[in-house]
C-alpha atoms as a PDB file:
ATOM      1  CA  MET A   1      70.311 101.708 108.041  1.00  0.00           C
ATOM      2  CA  THR A   2      69.561 101.035 111.448  1.00  0.00           C
ATOM      3  CA  GLN A   3      67.750 103.296 113.983  1.00  0.00           C
ATOM      4  CA  GLN A   4      71.127 104.178 115.609  1.00  0.00           C
ATOM      5  CA  ASP A   5      72.275 105.561 112.019  1.00  0.00           C
ATOM      6  CA  LEU A   6      69.172 107.567 111.100  1.00  0.00           C
ATOM      7  CA  SER A   7      69.567 109.219 114.634  1.00  0.00           C
ATOM      8  CA  LYS A   8      73.350 110.204 114.101  1.00  0.00           C
ATOM      9  CA  ALA A   9      73.177 110.860 110.584  1.00  0.00           C
ATOM     10  CA  ARG A  10      74.328 114.546 109.159  1.00  0.00           C
ATOM     11  CA  ASN A  11      71.333 114.902 107.157  1.00  0.00           C
ATOM     12  CA  PRO A  12      68.470 116.589 108.899  1.00  0.00           C
ATOM     13  CA  ASP A  13      65.704 115.173 106.579  1.00  0.00           C
ATOM     14  CA  LEU A  14      67.308 111.843 107.011  1.00  0.00           C
ATOM     15  CA  ARG A  15      67.210 112.185 110.883  1.00  0.00           C
ATOM     16  CA  ALA A  16      63.581 112.902 110.424  1.00  0.00           C
ATOM     17  CA  SER A  17      62.836 110.667 108.006  1.00  0.00           C
ATOM     18  CA  LEU A  18      61.862 107.445 110.664  1.00  0.00           C
ATOM     19  CA  ALA A  19      59.318 109.295 112.522  1.00  0.00           C
ATOM     20  CA  ALA A  20      57.903 110.580 109.207  1.00  0.00           C
ATOM     21  CA  MET A  21      57.578 107.178 108.536  1.00  0.00           C
ATOM     22  CA  ARG A  22      55.935 106.116 111.376  1.00  0.00           C
ATOM     23  CA  ARG A  23      53.618 108.869 111.202  1.00  0.00           C
ATOM     24  CA  ALA A  24      52.777 107.619 107.565  1.00  0.00           C
ATOM     25  CA  ALA A  25      52.303 104.054 109.025  1.00  0.00           C
ATOM     26  CA  GLU A  26      49.900 105.586 111.517  1.00  0.00           C
ATOM     27  CA  LEU A  27      47.894 107.233 109.090  1.00  0.00           C
ATOM     28  CA  ALA A  28      47.209 104.474 106.901  1.00  0.00           C
ATOM     29  CA  ARG A  29      46.180 102.581 110.079  1.00  0.00           C
ATOM     30  CA  GLN A  30      43.157 104.868 110.060  1.00  0.00           C
ATOM     31  CA  THR A  31      42.656 105.225 107.014  1.00  0.00           C
ATOM     32  CA  ALA A  32      42.473 101.214 106.837  1.00  0.00           C
ATOM     33  CA  LEU A  33      40.268 101.286 110.254  1.00  0.00           C
ATOM     34  CA  GLN A  34      37.856 104.385 108.817  1.00  0.00           C
ATOM     35  CA  THR A  35      37.956 102.421 105.061  1.00  0.00           C
ATOM     36  CA  ASN A  36      37.406  98.942 106.653  1.00  0.00           C
ATOM     37  CA  THR A  37      40.374  98.120 104.437  1.00  0.00           C
ATOM     38  CA  ALA A  38      43.492  95.923 105.016  1.00  0.00           C
ATOM     39  CA  LEU A  39      46.532  97.041 105.326  1.00  0.00           C
ATOM     40  CA  VAL A  40      49.781  94.955 102.984  1.00  0.00           C
ATOM     41  CA  VAL A  41      52.826  94.684 105.010  1.00  0.00           C
ATOM     42  CA  VAL A  42      56.343  92.882 103.983  1.00  0.00           C
ATOM     43  CA  LYS A  43      57.584  90.715 107.113  1.00  0.00           C
ATOM     44  CA  ASP A  44      60.131  88.563 106.384  1.00  0.00           C
ATOM     45  CA  GLY A  45      60.299  89.177 102.746  1.00  0.00           C
ATOM     46  CA  LYS A  46      56.556  87.956 102.524  1.00  0.00           C
ATOM     47  CA  LEU A  47      53.729  90.279 101.387  1.00  0.00           C
ATOM     48  CA  LEU A  48      50.833  90.105 104.268  1.00  0.00           C
ATOM     49  CA  ARG A  49      47.466  91.425 104.696  1.00  0.00           C
ATOM     50  CA  ILE A  50      46.147  92.815 107.858  1.00  0.00           C
ATOM     51  CA  SER A  51      42.153  93.532 107.618  1.00  0.00           C
ATOM     52  CA  ALA A  52      40.974  96.189 109.413  1.00  0.00           C
ATOM     53  CA  ALA A  53      39.077  93.532 111.454  1.00  0.00           C
ATOM     54  CA  ARG A  54      42.230  92.285 113.087  1.00  0.00           C
ATOM     55  CA  LEU A  55      43.947  95.767 113.648  1.00  0.00           C
ATOM     56  CA  ARG A  56      41.109  96.567 115.781  1.00  0.00           C
ATOM     57  CA  ARG A  57      41.662  93.389 117.725  1.00  0.00           C
ATOM     58  CA  GLN A  58      45.068  93.645 118.034  1.00  0.00           C
ATOM     59  CA  GLY A  59      46.426  96.704 119.201  1.00  0.00           C
ATOM     60  CA  LYS A  60      47.565 100.145 118.380  1.00  0.00           C
ATOM     61  CA  SER A  61      49.994  99.577 116.030  1.00  0.00           C
ATOM     62  CA  PRO A  62      50.469  97.055 112.611  1.00  0.00           C
ATOM     63  CA  ALA A  63      53.720  95.930 114.244  1.00  0.00           C
ATOM     64  CA  ASP A  64      51.537  94.782 116.976  1.00  0.00           C
ATOM     65  CA  ALA A  65      49.114  92.966 114.502  1.00  0.00           C
ATOM     66  CA  LEU A  66      51.965  91.333 113.148  1.00  0.00           C
ATOM     67  CA  ALA A  67      53.684  90.197 116.435  1.00  0.00           C
ATOM     68  CA  ALA A  68      50.329  88.573 117.011  1.00  0.00           C
ATOM     69  CA  MET A  69      50.138  86.937 113.879  1.00  0.00           C
ATOM     70  CA  PRO A  70      50.845  83.086 113.020  1.00  0.00           C
ATOM     71  CA  ALA A  71      53.765  83.286 110.208  1.00  0.00           C
ATOM     72  CA  ASP A  72      51.614  80.385 108.437  1.00  0.00           C
ATOM     73  CA  GLN A  73      48.557  82.120 108.394  1.00  0.00           C
ATOM     74  CA  ASP A  74      47.302  81.814 104.822  1.00  0.00           C
ATOM     75  CA  LYS A  75      44.467  83.914 104.905  1.00  0.00           C
ATOM     76  CA  ASP A  76      45.911  87.009 105.736  1.00  0.00           C
ATOM     77  CA  ARG A  77      49.182  86.455 103.049  1.00  0.00           C
ATOM     78  CA  ALA A  78      48.549  89.358 100.538  1.00  0.00           C
ATOM     79  CA  ARG A  79      46.950  87.669  96.986  1.00  0.00           C
ATOM     80  CA  ASP A  80      46.628  89.170  93.798  1.00  0.00           C
ATOM     81  CA  PRO A  81      42.791  89.990  92.874  1.00  0.00           C
ATOM     82  CA  ARG A  82      42.758  88.574  89.165  1.00  0.00           C
END
């Protein structure tokens, strides 16, 4: 669903879901910064790891960090720790 679809949904929970996801993303970002851990997100179907240092450098949201991240930057791609 698009943002416009969500804003026009009949179900009030569905209408509120976008704001809830944004709040959850911000809390995840804050936790990553406080614990100096990375966020793992999906961009263009690929898992990407955004380090706490990159989050601090790039701005207020994970989207800002993703926008500034080169698409081929291997060191930030999520890896299986095994």
